C-alpha atoms as a PDB file:
ATOM      1  CA  MET A   1     -48.572 138.248 -96.092  1.00  0.00           C
ATOM      2  CA  LYS A   2     -50.622 140.473 -93.862  1.00  0.00           C
ATOM      3  CA  TYR A   3     -48.646 142.550 -91.353  1.00  0.00           C
ATOM      4  CA  SER A   4     -49.041 141.761 -87.676  1.00  0.00           C
ATOM      5  CA  PRO A   5     -46.795 142.384 -84.676  1.00  0.00           C
ATOM      6  CA  GLY A   6     -46.266 138.594 -84.420  1.00  0.00           C
ATOM      7  CA  ASN A   7     -45.011 138.349 -87.997  1.00  0.00           C
ATOM      8  CA  ARG A   8     -42.596 141.174 -87.352  1.00  0.00           C
ATOM      9  CA  SER A   9     -41.153 139.454 -84.240  1.00  0.00           C
ATOM     10  CA  ARG A  10     -40.716 136.204 -86.104  1.00  0.00           C
ATOM     11  CA  THR A  11     -39.061 137.932 -89.042  1.00  0.00           C
ATOM     12  CA  ALA A  12     -36.663 139.782 -86.716  1.00  0.00           C
ATOM     13  CA  ALA A  13     -35.809 136.536 -84.868  1.00  0.00           C
ATOM     14  CA  LEU A  14     -35.150 134.746 -88.195  1.00  0.00           C
ATOM     15  CA  LEU A  15     -32.886 137.586 -89.406  1.00  0.00           C
ATOM     16  CA  LEU A  16     -30.991 137.580 -86.116  1.00  0.00           C
ATOM     17  CA  ALA A  17     -30.498 133.800 -86.322  1.00  0.00           C
ATOM     18  CA  LEU A  18     -29.351 134.041 -89.934  1.00  0.00           C
ATOM     19  CA  CYS A  19     -26.822 136.764 -89.100  1.00  0.00           C
ATOM     20  CA  TRP A  20     -25.478 134.770 -86.114  1.00  0.00           C
ATOM     21  CA  GLY A  21     -25.159 131.693 -88.328  1.00  0.00           C
ATOM     22  CA  LEU A  22     -23.274 133.567 -90.992  1.00  0.00           C
ATOM     23  CA  THR A  23     -20.948 135.147 -88.389  1.00  0.00           C
ATOM     24  CA  ALA A  24     -20.298 131.776 -86.709  1.00  0.00           C
ATOM     25  CA  GLY A  25     -19.585 130.150 -90.104  1.00  0.00           C
ATOM     26  CA  ASN A  26     -17.160 132.921 -91.016  1.00  0.00           C
ATOM     27  CA  ALA A  27     -15.329 132.522 -87.725  1.00  0.00           C
ATOM     28  CA  VAL A  28     -14.785 128.816 -88.374  1.00  0.00           C
ATOM     29  CA  ALA A  29     -13.721 129.497 -91.983  1.00  0.00           C
ATOM     30  CA  GLU A  30     -11.236 132.195 -90.858  1.00  0.00           C
ATOM     31  CA  ALA A  31      -9.789 129.792 -88.320  1.00  0.00           C
ATOM     32  CA  GLY A  32      -8.881 127.368 -91.158  1.00  0.00           C
ATOM     33  CA  GLY A  33     -11.538 124.726 -90.717  1.00  0.00           C
ATOM     34  CA  PRO A  34     -14.026 123.295 -88.296  1.00  0.00           C
ATOM     35  CA  LYS A  35     -13.484 123.400 -84.584  1.00  0.00           C
ATOM     36  CA  PRO A  36     -11.875 120.288 -83.100  1.00  0.00           C
ATOM     37  CA  ALA A  37     -13.701 118.257 -80.443  1.00  0.00           C
ATOM     38  CA  LEU A  38     -13.826 119.509 -76.877  1.00  0.00           C
ATOM     39  CA  LYS A  39     -12.277 116.280 -75.604  1.00  0.00           C
ATOM     40  CA  SER A  40      -9.547 114.221 -77.205  1.00  0.00           C
ATOM     41  CA  LEU A  41      -9.688 110.621 -78.250  1.00  0.00           C
ATOM     42  CA  ALA A  42      -8.437 108.458 -75.377  1.00  0.00           C
ATOM     43  CA  ALA A  43      -5.194 106.441 -75.730  1.00  0.00           C
ATOM     44  CA  ASP A  44      -7.272 103.204 -75.861  1.00  0.00           C
ATOM     45  CA  GLY A  45      -9.452 104.634 -78.657  1.00  0.00           C
ATOM     46  CA  GLN A  46     -12.468 105.445 -76.504  1.00  0.00           C
ATOM     47  CA  MET A  47     -14.372 108.446 -77.879  1.00  0.00           C
ATOM     48  CA  ALA A  48     -15.210 111.286 -75.482  1.00  0.00           C
ATOM     49  CA  ILE A  49     -17.802 112.930 -77.631  1.00  0.00           C
ATOM     50  CA  SER A  50     -19.348 116.163 -76.279  1.00  0.00           C
ATOM     51  CA  PRO A  51     -22.925 117.074 -77.146  1.00  0.00           C
ATOM     52  CA  ARG A  52     -21.482 120.219 -78.826  1.00  0.00           C
ATOM     53  CA  ASP A  53     -19.066 118.362 -81.138  1.00  0.00           C
ATOM     54  CA  ARG A  54     -20.103 118.420 -84.770  1.00  0.00           C
ATOM     55  CA  CYS A  55     -19.179 116.220 -87.707  1.00  0.00           C
ATOM     56  CA  PRO A  56     -16.844 118.333 -89.881  1.00  0.00           C
ATOM     57  CA  VAL A  57     -18.409 116.920 -93.041  1.00  0.00           C
ATOM     58  CA  CYS A  58     -22.180 117.129 -92.477  1.00  0.00           C
ATOM     59  CA  ALA A  59     -22.498 119.140 -89.230  1.00  0.00           C
ATOM     60  CA  MET A  60     -24.472 116.400 -87.463  1.00  0.00           C
ATOM     61  CA  PHE A  61     -23.912 115.869 -83.738  1.00  0.00           C
ATOM     62  CA  PRO A  62     -22.050 112.530 -83.286  1.00  0.00           C
ATOM     63  CA  ALA A  63     -23.167 112.397 -79.607  1.00  0.00           C
ATOM     64  CA  ARG A  64     -26.683 111.737 -80.768  1.00  0.00           C
ATOM     65  CA  ARG A  65     -25.665 108.433 -82.374  1.00  0.00           C
ATOM     66  CA  PRO A  66     -22.401 107.483 -80.620  1.00  0.00           C
ATOM     67  CA  ASP A  67     -22.629 103.892 -81.739  1.00  0.00           C
ATOM     68  CA  SER A  68     -22.016 104.977 -85.325  1.00  0.00           C
ATOM     69  CA  ALA A  69     -19.392 107.672 -84.572  1.00  0.00           C
ATOM     70  CA  ALA A  70     -15.809 107.660 -85.779  1.00  0.00           C
ATOM     71  CA  ALA A  71     -12.724 109.703 -84.791  1.00  0.00           C
ATOM     72  CA  MET A  72      -9.687 111.242 -86.340  1.00  0.00           C
ATOM     73  CA  THR A  73      -6.752 112.687 -84.430  1.00  0.00           C
ATOM     74  CA  LEU A  74      -4.162 114.948 -85.995  1.00  0.00           C
ATOM     75  CA  THR A  75      -0.469 114.939 -85.160  1.00  0.00           C
ATOM     76  CA  SER A  76      -1.114 118.224 -83.358  1.00  0.00           C
ATOM     77  CA  GLY A  77      -3.394 116.331 -80.936  1.00  0.00           C
ATOM     78  CA  GLU A  78      -6.649 117.813 -82.180  1.00  0.00           C
ATOM     79  CA  THR A  79      -9.489 115.276 -82.430  1.00  0.00           C
ATOM     80  CA  PHE A  80     -12.491 115.394 -84.761  1.00  0.00           C
ATOM     81  CA  TYR A  81     -15.531 113.202 -84.283  1.00  0.00           C
ATOM     82  CA  PHE A  82     -17.667 112.095 -87.204  1.00  0.00           C
ATOM     83  CA  CYS A  83     -21.317 111.003 -87.331  1.00  0.00           C
ATOM     84  CA  SER A  84     -20.403 107.933 -89.339  1.00  0.00           C
ATOM     85  CA  ASN A  85     -17.627 105.926 -90.994  1.00  0.00           C
ATOM     86  CA  GLY A  86     -18.640 107.394 -94.347  1.00  0.00           C
ATOM     87  CA  CYS A  87     -17.898 110.958 -93.199  1.00  0.00           C
ATOM     88  CA  LEU A  88     -14.553 109.827 -91.783  1.00  0.00           C
ATOM     89  CA  LEU A  89     -13.608 108.138 -95.050  1.00  0.00           C
ATOM     90  CA  ARG A  90     -14.645 111.177 -97.106  1.00  0.00           C
ATOM     91  CA  THR A  91     -12.360 113.284 -94.880  1.00  0.00           C
ATOM     92  CA  TRP A  92      -9.486 110.860 -95.393  1.00  0.00           C
ATOM     93  CA  LEU A  93      -9.886 111.335 -99.141  1.00  0.00           C
ATOM     94  CA  ARG A  94     -10.189 115.158 -98.935  1.00  0.00           C
ATOM     95  CA  PRO A  95      -8.757 116.347 -95.583  1.00  0.00           C
ATOM     96  CA  GLY A  96      -7.974 119.800 -96.901  1.00  0.00           C
ATOM     97  CA  ALA A  97     -11.546 120.363 -97.971  1.00  0.00           C
ATOM     98  CA  TYR A  98     -13.128 119.165 -94.705  1.00  0.00           C
ATOM     99  CA  LEU A  99     -10.505 120.003 -92.076  1.00  0.00           C
ATOM    100  CA  GLY A 100      -8.152 122.515 -93.679  1.00  0.00           C
ATOM    101  CA  HIS A 101      -5.273 120.109 -93.026  1.00  0.00           C
ATOM    102  CA  ASP A 102      -3.055 117.866 -95.145  1.00  0.00           C
ATOM    103  CA  ARG A 103      -3.323 114.067 -95.020  1.00  0.00           C
ATOM    104  CA  SER A 104       0.235 113.945 -93.617  1.00  0.00           C
ATOM    105  CA  GLU A 105      -1.111 115.615 -90.480  1.00  0.00           C
ATOM    106  CA  ILE A 106      -3.534 112.740 -89.727  1.00  0.00           C
ATOM    107  CA  ASP A 107      -2.322 110.564 -86.907  1.00  0.00           C
ATOM    108  CA  ARG A 108      -5.099 108.185 -85.764  1.00  0.00           C
ATOM    109  CA  LEU A 109      -8.342 106.932 -87.281  1.00  0.00           C
ATOM    110  CA  VAL A 110     -10.638 105.073 -84.942  1.00  0.00           C
ATOM    111  CA  VAL A 111     -13.958 103.351 -85.703  1.00  0.00           C
ATOM    112  CA  TRP A 112     -16.162 100.862 -83.890  1.00  0.00           C
ATOM    113  CA  ASP A 113     -16.002  97.167 -84.741  1.00  0.00           C
ATOM    114  CA  TYR A 114     -19.515  96.277 -85.871  1.00  0.00           C
ATOM    115  CA  PHE A 115     -19.860  93.087 -83.794  1.00  0.00           C
ATOM    116  CA  SER A 116     -17.938  93.846 -80.568  1.00  0.00           C
ATOM    117  CA  GLY A 117     -18.443  97.583 -80.357  1.00  0.00           C
ATOM    118  CA  ARG A 118     -14.757  97.990 -79.475  1.00  0.00           C
ATOM    119  CA  PRO A 119     -12.708 100.822 -80.940  1.00  0.00           C
ATOM    120  CA  ILE A 120     -10.401  99.655 -83.702  1.00  0.00           C
ATOM    121  CA  ASP A 121      -7.814 101.284 -85.983  1.00  0.00           C
ATOM    122  CA  ALA A 122      -9.651 102.191 -89.207  1.00  0.00           C
ATOM    123  CA  ARG A 123      -6.520 101.430 -91.193  1.00  0.00           C
ATOM    124  CA  ASN A 124      -6.594  97.793 -90.088  1.00  0.00           C
ATOM    125  CA  ALA A 125     -10.351  97.199 -90.440  1.00  0.00           C
ATOM    126  CA  VAL A 126     -12.059  95.137 -93.076  1.00  0.00           C
ATOM    127  CA  TRP A 127     -14.712  97.428 -94.626  1.00  0.00           C
ATOM    128  CA  VAL A 128     -18.080  96.437 -96.085  1.00  0.00           C
ATOM    129  CA  ALA A 129     -20.326  98.629 -98.154  1.00  0.00           C
ATOM    130  CA  GLY A 130     -23.720  98.038 -99.750  1.00  0.00           C
ATOM    131  CA  SER A 131     -25.305  96.063 -96.918  1.00  0.00           C
ATOM    132  CA  ASP A 132     -28.740  96.624 -95.298  1.00  0.00           C
ATOM    133  CA  VAL A 133     -27.171  98.342 -92.262  1.00  0.00           C
ATOM    134  CA  ILE A 134     -28.400 101.965 -92.001  1.00  0.00           C
ATOM    135  CA  GLY A 135     -26.475 104.712 -90.248  1.00  0.00           C
ATOM    136  CA  PRO A 136     -27.166 108.419 -89.654  1.00  0.00           C
ATOM    137  CA  MET A 137     -26.275 109.312 -93.266  1.00  0.00           C
ATOM    138  CA  GLY A 138     -28.218 106.434 -94.814  1.00  0.00           C
ATOM    139  CA  PRO A 139     -26.580 103.137 -95.956  1.00  0.00           C
ATOM    140  CA  ALA A 140     -23.647 102.525 -93.626  1.00  0.00           C
ATOM    141  CA  ILE A 141     -20.097 101.632 -94.479  1.00  0.00           C
ATOM    142  CA  VAL A 142     -19.293  99.043 -91.832  1.00  0.00           C
ATOM    143  CA  ALA A 143     -15.950  98.292 -90.180  1.00  0.00           C
ATOM    144  CA  LEU A 144     -15.067  94.815 -89.033  1.00  0.00           C
ATOM    145  CA  GLU A 145     -12.110  93.941 -86.839  1.00  0.00           C
ATOM    146  CA  ASP A 146     -11.030  91.035 -89.021  1.00  0.00           C
ATOM    147  CA  SER A 147     -11.964  89.104 -92.113  1.00  0.00           C
ATOM    148  CA  GLY A 148     -13.155  86.137 -90.004  1.00  0.00           C
ATOM    149  CA  GLN A 149     -16.303  88.145 -89.376  1.00  0.00           C
ATOM    150  CA  LEU A 150     -17.167  88.579 -93.058  1.00  0.00           C
ATOM    151  CA  ASP A 151     -19.211  85.436 -93.571  1.00  0.00           C
ATOM    152  CA  THR A 152     -21.370  86.108 -90.535  1.00  0.00           C
ATOM    153  CA  PHE A 153     -21.856  89.771 -91.513  1.00  0.00           C
ATOM    154  CA  ASN A 154     -22.702  88.943 -95.110  1.00  0.00           C
ATOM    155  CA  ARG A 155     -25.176  86.200 -94.126  1.00  0.00           C
ATOM    156  CA  ARG A 156     -27.016  88.672 -91.910  1.00  0.00           C
ATOM    157  CA  HIS A 157     -26.620  91.897 -93.872  1.00  0.00           C
ATOM    158  CA  HIS A 158     -25.729  91.035 -97.500  1.00  0.00           C
ATOM    159  CA  GLY A 159     -22.711  93.282 -97.986  1.00  0.00           C
ATOM    160  CA  LYS A 160     -21.810  93.953-101.670  1.00  0.00           C
ATOM    161  CA  THR A 161     -18.326  95.455-101.568  1.00  0.00           C
ATOM    162  CA  VAL A 162     -15.491  94.393 -99.267  1.00  0.00           C
ATOM    163  CA  PHE A 163     -12.269  96.438 -99.143  1.00  0.00           C
ATOM    164  CA  ARG A 164      -9.238  97.315 -97.071  1.00  0.00           C
ATOM    165  CA  PHE A 165      -8.436 100.878 -96.064  1.00  0.00           C
ATOM    166  CA  ASP A 166      -5.396 101.089 -98.321  1.00  0.00           C
ATOM    167  CA  GLN A 167      -7.706 100.354-101.312  1.00  0.00           C
ATOM    168  CA  LEU A 168      -9.815 103.465-100.649  1.00  0.00           C
ATOM    169  CA  ASN A 169      -9.550 105.934-103.496  1.00  0.00           C
ATOM    170  CA  ASP A 170     -11.854 108.168-105.554  1.00  0.00           C
ATOM    171  CA  ASP A 171     -12.942 105.345-107.890  1.00  0.00           C
ATOM    172  CA  LEU A 172     -13.852 103.001-105.032  1.00  0.00           C
ATOM    173  CA  TRP A 173     -15.635 105.825-103.255  1.00  0.00           C
ATOM    174  CA  ARG A 174     -17.828 106.460-106.323  1.00  0.00           C
ATOM    175  CA  ARG A 175     -18.753 102.721-106.375  1.00  0.00           C
ATOM    176  CA  ILE A 176     -19.674 102.470-102.692  1.00  0.00           C
ATOM    177  CA  SER A 177     -21.317 105.872-101.993  1.00  0.00           C
ATOM    178  CA  THR A 178     -23.877 108.190-103.393  1.00  0.00           C
ATOM    179  CA  ARG A 179     -22.174 111.135-101.644  1.00  0.00           C
ATOM    180  CA  ASP A 180     -19.982 113.284-103.902  1.00  0.00           C
ATOM    181  CA  LEU A 181     -16.462 114.295-102.939  1.00  0.00           C
ATOM    182  CA  PRO A 182     -15.190 117.840-103.390  1.00  0.00           C
ATOM    183  CA  PRO A 183     -13.072 118.114-106.542  1.00  0.00           C
ATOM    184  CA  ALA A 184      -9.499 116.842-106.161  1.00  0.00           C
ATOM    185  CA  GLY A 185      -7.160 119.681-105.504  1.00  0.00           C
ATOM    186  CA  SER A 186      -9.856 121.782-103.799  1.00  0.00           C
ATOM    187  CA  GLU A 187      -7.921 121.398-100.618  1.00  0.00           C
END
């Protein structure tokens, strides 16, 4: 590459950005995990996602696609917003790896019902994977408020795997997702 003052300025700017990114990443790591959301999940399950909140799994900004966002609140009151149900479910399976917290510290899990758009408890949802619904991370894992919605959803979107939250484990995750989990015990 031929030297020019413009190349030097761009190189310096890139190095500065890289150093800032490494410093910011170290500050989060030293604090024991990602930063919680600026605003907590409301008592009724409404998400108050800030434009600065980041998904602790993939670092996307949930505010850019709030219709696919999900939320997790810890017993300490800290809330984390996720870009998608898939990232929330991955965190449930490996909370230590993604949040630096134990599963026993997770209080609430809130997702949107696919049809009504209302917030629902993720633990009570009926889950569908393998449909033609696409979310921010690719094929979506969809939450339904009740099993009465399954026939309609499957007629429209051809879901392949239906499960309940308490059935979620590593084996099921491998069947419904192409996204790897961190190794068990890496928490």
